[in-house]
N, C-alpha and C. Protein backbone atom coordinates (compact mmCIF):
# COMPACT_ATOMS: atom_id res chain seq x y z
N MET A 1 0.86 -1.12 0.09
CA MET A 1 -0.08 0.04 0.05
C MET A 1 0.85 1.22 -0.03
N THR A 2 0.55 2.23 -0.88
CA THR A 2 1.40 3.51 -0.92
C THR A 2 1.03 4.53 0.12
N ARG A 3 1.84 5.33 0.32
CA ARG A 3 1.43 6.48 1.25
C ARG A 3 0.26 7.25 0.96
N ASN A 4 -0.09 7.26 -0.18
CA ASN A 4 -1.30 8.02 -0.65
C ASN A 4 -2.60 7.05 -0.34
N GLU A 5 -2.44 5.82 -0.59
CA GLU A 5 -3.44 4.87 -0.34
C GLU A 5 -3.67 4.81 1.20
N ILE A 6 -2.67 4.89 2.01
CA ILE A 6 -2.87 4.82 3.46
C ILE A 6 -3.69 6.14 3.80
N LYS A 7 -3.14 7.11 3.33
CA LYS A 7 -3.84 8.46 3.58
C LYS A 7 -5.43 8.38 3.23
N GLY A 8 -5.68 7.75 2.18
CA GLY A 8 -7.10 7.65 1.61
C GLY A 8 -7.84 6.75 2.57
N VAL A 9 -7.28 5.68 3.06
CA VAL A 9 -7.84 4.71 4.02
C VAL A 9 -8.18 5.49 5.44
N LEU A 10 -7.16 6.36 5.80
CA LEU A 10 -7.43 6.99 7.02
C LEU A 10 -8.42 8.08 6.93
N PHE A 11 -8.57 8.66 5.70
CA PHE A 11 -9.51 9.74 5.55
C PHE A 11 -11.03 8.88 5.46
N GLU A 12 -11.07 7.79 4.93
CA GLU A 12 -12.23 6.98 4.83
C GLU A 12 -12.89 6.72 6.25
N ILE A 13 -11.98 6.33 7.06
CA ILE A 13 -12.26 6.03 8.36
C ILE A 13 -12.61 7.32 9.28
N LEU A 14 -11.91 8.33 8.99
CA LEU A 14 -12.30 9.58 9.68
C LEU A 14 -13.60 10.18 9.22
N LYS A 15 -13.93 10.01 7.85
CA LYS A 15 -15.24 10.38 7.32
C LYS A 15 -16.43 9.66 7.93
N ASP A 16 -16.15 8.33 8.22
CA ASP A 16 -17.19 7.46 8.96
C ASP A 16 -17.36 7.87 10.27
N ILE A 17 -16.39 8.19 10.91
CA ILE A 17 -16.47 8.90 12.29
C ILE A 17 -17.31 10.19 12.43
N ASP A 18 -16.85 11.07 11.49
CA ASP A 18 -17.40 12.38 11.37
C ASP A 18 -17.71 12.95 10.02
N GLU A 19 -18.96 12.71 9.45
CA GLU A 19 -19.10 13.00 8.11
C GLU A 19 -18.90 14.50 7.64
N GLU A 20 -18.95 15.38 8.72
CA GLU A 20 -18.86 16.90 8.42
C GLU A 20 -17.45 17.30 8.56
N SER A 21 -16.52 16.48 8.87
CA SER A 21 -15.02 16.76 9.04
C SER A 21 -14.54 17.29 7.77
N GLU A 22 -13.75 18.41 7.74
CA GLU A 22 -13.14 19.00 6.36
C GLU A 22 -11.76 18.41 6.23
N LEU A 23 -11.68 17.25 5.78
CA LEU A 23 -10.45 16.53 5.64
C LEU A 23 -9.46 17.15 4.64
N ASN A 24 -9.83 18.03 3.79
CA ASN A 24 -9.04 18.70 2.89
C ASN A 24 -8.27 19.71 3.58
N LEU A 25 -8.59 20.16 4.87
CA LEU A 25 -7.74 21.11 5.65
C LEU A 25 -6.88 20.52 6.58
N VAL A 26 -6.91 19.19 6.64
CA VAL A 26 -6.03 18.54 7.63
C VAL A 26 -4.56 18.72 7.19
N LYS A 27 -3.86 19.15 8.28
CA LYS A 27 -2.29 19.47 8.13
C LYS A 27 -1.66 18.18 8.45
N LEU A 28 -0.60 17.72 7.85
CA LEU A 28 0.16 16.48 7.96
C LEU A 28 0.84 16.43 9.42
N ASP A 29 1.34 17.73 9.87
CA ASP A 29 2.23 17.57 11.16
C ASP A 29 1.45 18.22 12.42
N GLN A 30 0.15 18.33 12.35
CA GLN A 30 -0.57 18.87 13.55
C GLN A 30 -1.46 17.64 14.02
N PRO A 31 -1.67 17.57 15.37
CA PRO A 31 -2.36 16.54 15.92
C PRO A 31 -3.77 16.31 15.39
N LEU A 32 -4.14 15.19 15.05
CA LEU A 32 -5.44 15.00 14.37
C LEU A 32 -6.57 15.36 15.41
N ARG A 33 -6.41 14.92 16.73
CA ARG A 33 -7.42 15.23 17.63
C ARG A 33 -7.76 16.60 17.90
N ASP A 34 -6.82 17.55 17.64
CA ASP A 34 -7.12 19.03 17.72
C ASP A 34 -7.56 19.38 16.42
N GLN A 35 -7.11 18.83 15.34
CA GLN A 35 -7.77 19.51 13.98
C GLN A 35 -9.13 19.01 13.83
N LEU A 36 -9.44 17.77 14.28
CA LEU A 36 -10.85 17.40 13.91
C LEU A 36 -11.64 17.16 15.10
N ASP A 37 -11.13 17.63 16.30
CA ASP A 37 -12.02 17.56 17.59
C ASP A 37 -12.23 16.00 17.76
N LEU A 38 -11.37 15.17 17.75
CA LEU A 38 -11.64 13.98 18.10
C LEU A 38 -11.46 13.54 19.60
N ASP A 39 -12.32 12.75 20.19
CA ASP A 39 -12.29 12.40 21.49
C ASP A 39 -11.54 11.05 21.53
N SER A 40 -11.43 10.55 22.78
CA SER A 40 -10.72 9.26 22.92
C SER A 40 -11.38 8.11 22.30
N MET A 41 -12.73 8.09 22.29
CA MET A 41 -13.51 7.07 21.62
C MET A 41 -13.52 7.13 20.10
N ASP A 42 -13.34 8.32 19.64
CA ASP A 42 -13.17 8.43 18.20
C ASP A 42 -11.79 7.87 17.81
N PHE A 43 -10.71 8.04 18.67
CA PHE A 43 -9.57 7.52 18.38
C PHE A 43 -9.60 6.07 18.46
N LEU A 44 -10.24 5.46 19.31
CA LEU A 44 -10.28 4.06 19.54
C LEU A 44 -10.95 3.46 18.36
N ASP A 45 -11.90 4.20 17.88
CA ASP A 45 -12.72 3.73 16.62
C ASP A 45 -11.75 3.56 15.37
N ILE A 46 -10.84 4.56 15.32
CA ILE A 46 -9.90 4.45 14.32
C ILE A 46 -8.99 3.16 14.32
N VAL A 47 -8.44 2.95 15.61
CA VAL A 47 -7.73 1.77 15.91
C VAL A 47 -8.39 0.49 15.59
N MET A 48 -9.59 0.41 16.11
CA MET A 48 -10.55 -0.76 15.84
C MET A 48 -10.89 -0.93 14.48
N GLU A 49 -11.05 0.07 13.61
CA GLU A 49 -11.36 -0.02 12.23
C GLU A 49 -10.20 -0.64 11.46
N LEU A 50 -8.90 -0.02 11.95
CA LEU A 50 -7.71 -0.65 11.24
C LEU A 50 -7.50 -2.15 11.54
N ARG A 51 -7.86 -2.48 12.77
CA ARG A 51 -7.85 -3.84 13.11
C ARG A 51 -8.75 -4.75 12.34
N LYS A 52 -10.00 -4.10 12.13
CA LYS A 52 -10.96 -5.05 11.44
C LYS A 52 -10.69 -5.11 9.93
N ARG A 53 -10.29 -3.93 9.38
CA ARG A 53 -10.06 -3.94 7.93
C ARG A 53 -8.67 -4.67 7.57
N TYR A 54 -7.66 -4.67 8.38
CA TYR A 54 -6.23 -5.04 7.88
C TYR A 54 -5.75 -6.06 8.96
N LYS A 55 -6.53 -6.35 9.92
CA LYS A 55 -5.97 -7.41 11.01
C LYS A 55 -4.61 -6.76 11.59
N LEU A 56 -4.65 -5.49 11.82
CA LEU A 56 -3.46 -4.83 12.41
C LEU A 56 -3.65 -4.91 14.00
N GLN A 57 -2.69 -5.17 14.71
CA GLN A 57 -2.67 -5.04 16.29
C GLN A 57 -1.97 -3.83 16.53
N ILE A 58 -2.45 -2.93 17.09
CA ILE A 58 -1.66 -1.81 17.62
C ILE A 58 -1.73 -1.53 18.93
N PRO A 59 -0.58 -1.86 19.54
CA PRO A 59 -0.45 -1.92 20.97
C PRO A 59 -0.82 -0.47 21.61
N GLU A 60 -1.25 -0.43 22.72
CA GLU A 60 -1.58 0.76 23.44
C GLU A 60 -0.44 1.74 23.46
N GLU A 61 0.99 1.16 23.84
CA GLU A 61 2.07 1.98 23.86
C GLU A 61 2.43 2.54 22.56
N ASP A 62 1.74 2.18 21.52
CA ASP A 62 2.15 2.76 20.16
C ASP A 62 1.08 3.84 19.66
N TYR A 63 -0.06 4.05 20.58
CA TYR A 63 -0.92 5.17 20.11
C TYR A 63 -0.49 6.42 19.86
N SER A 64 0.63 6.83 20.63
CA SER A 64 1.21 8.11 20.28
C SER A 64 1.82 8.29 18.86
N GLU A 65 2.05 7.07 18.31
CA GLU A 65 2.63 7.13 16.82
C GLU A 65 1.49 7.53 15.95
N LEU A 66 0.17 7.55 16.44
CA LEU A 66 -0.92 7.99 15.51
C LEU A 66 -1.43 9.26 15.70
N ALA A 67 -0.53 10.19 16.22
CA ALA A 67 -1.04 11.50 16.76
C ALA A 67 -1.35 12.42 15.58
N THR A 68 -0.54 12.40 14.48
CA THR A 68 -0.65 13.28 13.27
C THR A 68 -0.94 12.48 11.96
N LEU A 69 -1.28 13.07 11.07
CA LEU A 69 -1.60 12.25 9.76
C LEU A 69 -0.14 11.76 9.28
N LYS A 70 0.92 12.49 9.34
CA LYS A 70 2.07 12.21 8.96
C LYS A 70 2.70 10.81 9.84
N SER A 71 2.60 10.82 11.02
CA SER A 71 2.95 9.87 11.97
C SER A 71 2.06 8.67 11.78
N CYS A 72 0.82 8.92 11.50
CA CYS A 72 -0.02 7.71 11.06
C CYS A 72 0.48 7.01 10.00
N ILE A 73 0.72 7.64 8.83
CA ILE A 73 1.29 7.15 7.65
C ILE A 73 2.47 6.58 7.94
N ASP A 74 3.58 7.17 8.48
CA ASP A 74 4.76 6.65 8.94
C ASP A 74 4.68 5.31 9.64
N TYR A 75 3.86 5.21 10.49
CA TYR A 75 3.62 3.98 11.44
C TYR A 75 2.92 2.87 10.67
N LEU A 76 2.16 3.18 9.74
CA LEU A 76 1.32 2.23 9.16
C LEU A 76 1.73 1.64 7.85
N GLU A 77 2.76 2.57 7.24
CA GLU A 77 3.27 2.06 5.96
C GLU A 77 4.01 0.74 5.95
N PRO A 78 4.89 0.42 6.94
CA PRO A 78 5.63 -0.91 6.94
C PRO A 78 4.58 -1.99 7.06
N LYS A 79 3.50 -1.74 8.20
CA LYS A 79 2.69 -2.76 8.45
C LYS A 79 1.58 -3.04 7.28
N LEU A 80 1.40 -2.10 6.46
CA LEU A 80 0.36 -2.40 5.30
C LEU A 80 1.22 -2.43 3.94
N LYS A 81 2.39 -2.74 3.97
CA LYS A 81 3.23 -2.91 2.81
C LYS A 81 2.74 -3.92 1.88
N LYS A 82 2.28 -4.84 2.48
CA LYS A 82 1.85 -6.16 1.61
C LYS A 82 0.40 -6.07 1.19
N SER A 83 -0.37 -4.97 1.74
CA SER A 83 -1.70 -5.11 1.46
C SER A 83 -2.00 -4.41 0.10
């Protein structure tokens, strides 16, 4: 999976969580929680959806790796390489 495809997947998941979010305004290096007003349940929904779709196990100690769009893509890229 390419970086662009991973971004698309993340945007799909985020759109499912909040249909009104303006994803075109999301900046790569700023916290997603702040930009999209995500709460902890929304964040867990993202993690669970990645688990469901791609059988990814994301340990709680790695959650900080999913803070920004860039860090999400960086973290997921090697894990989704074969997808």
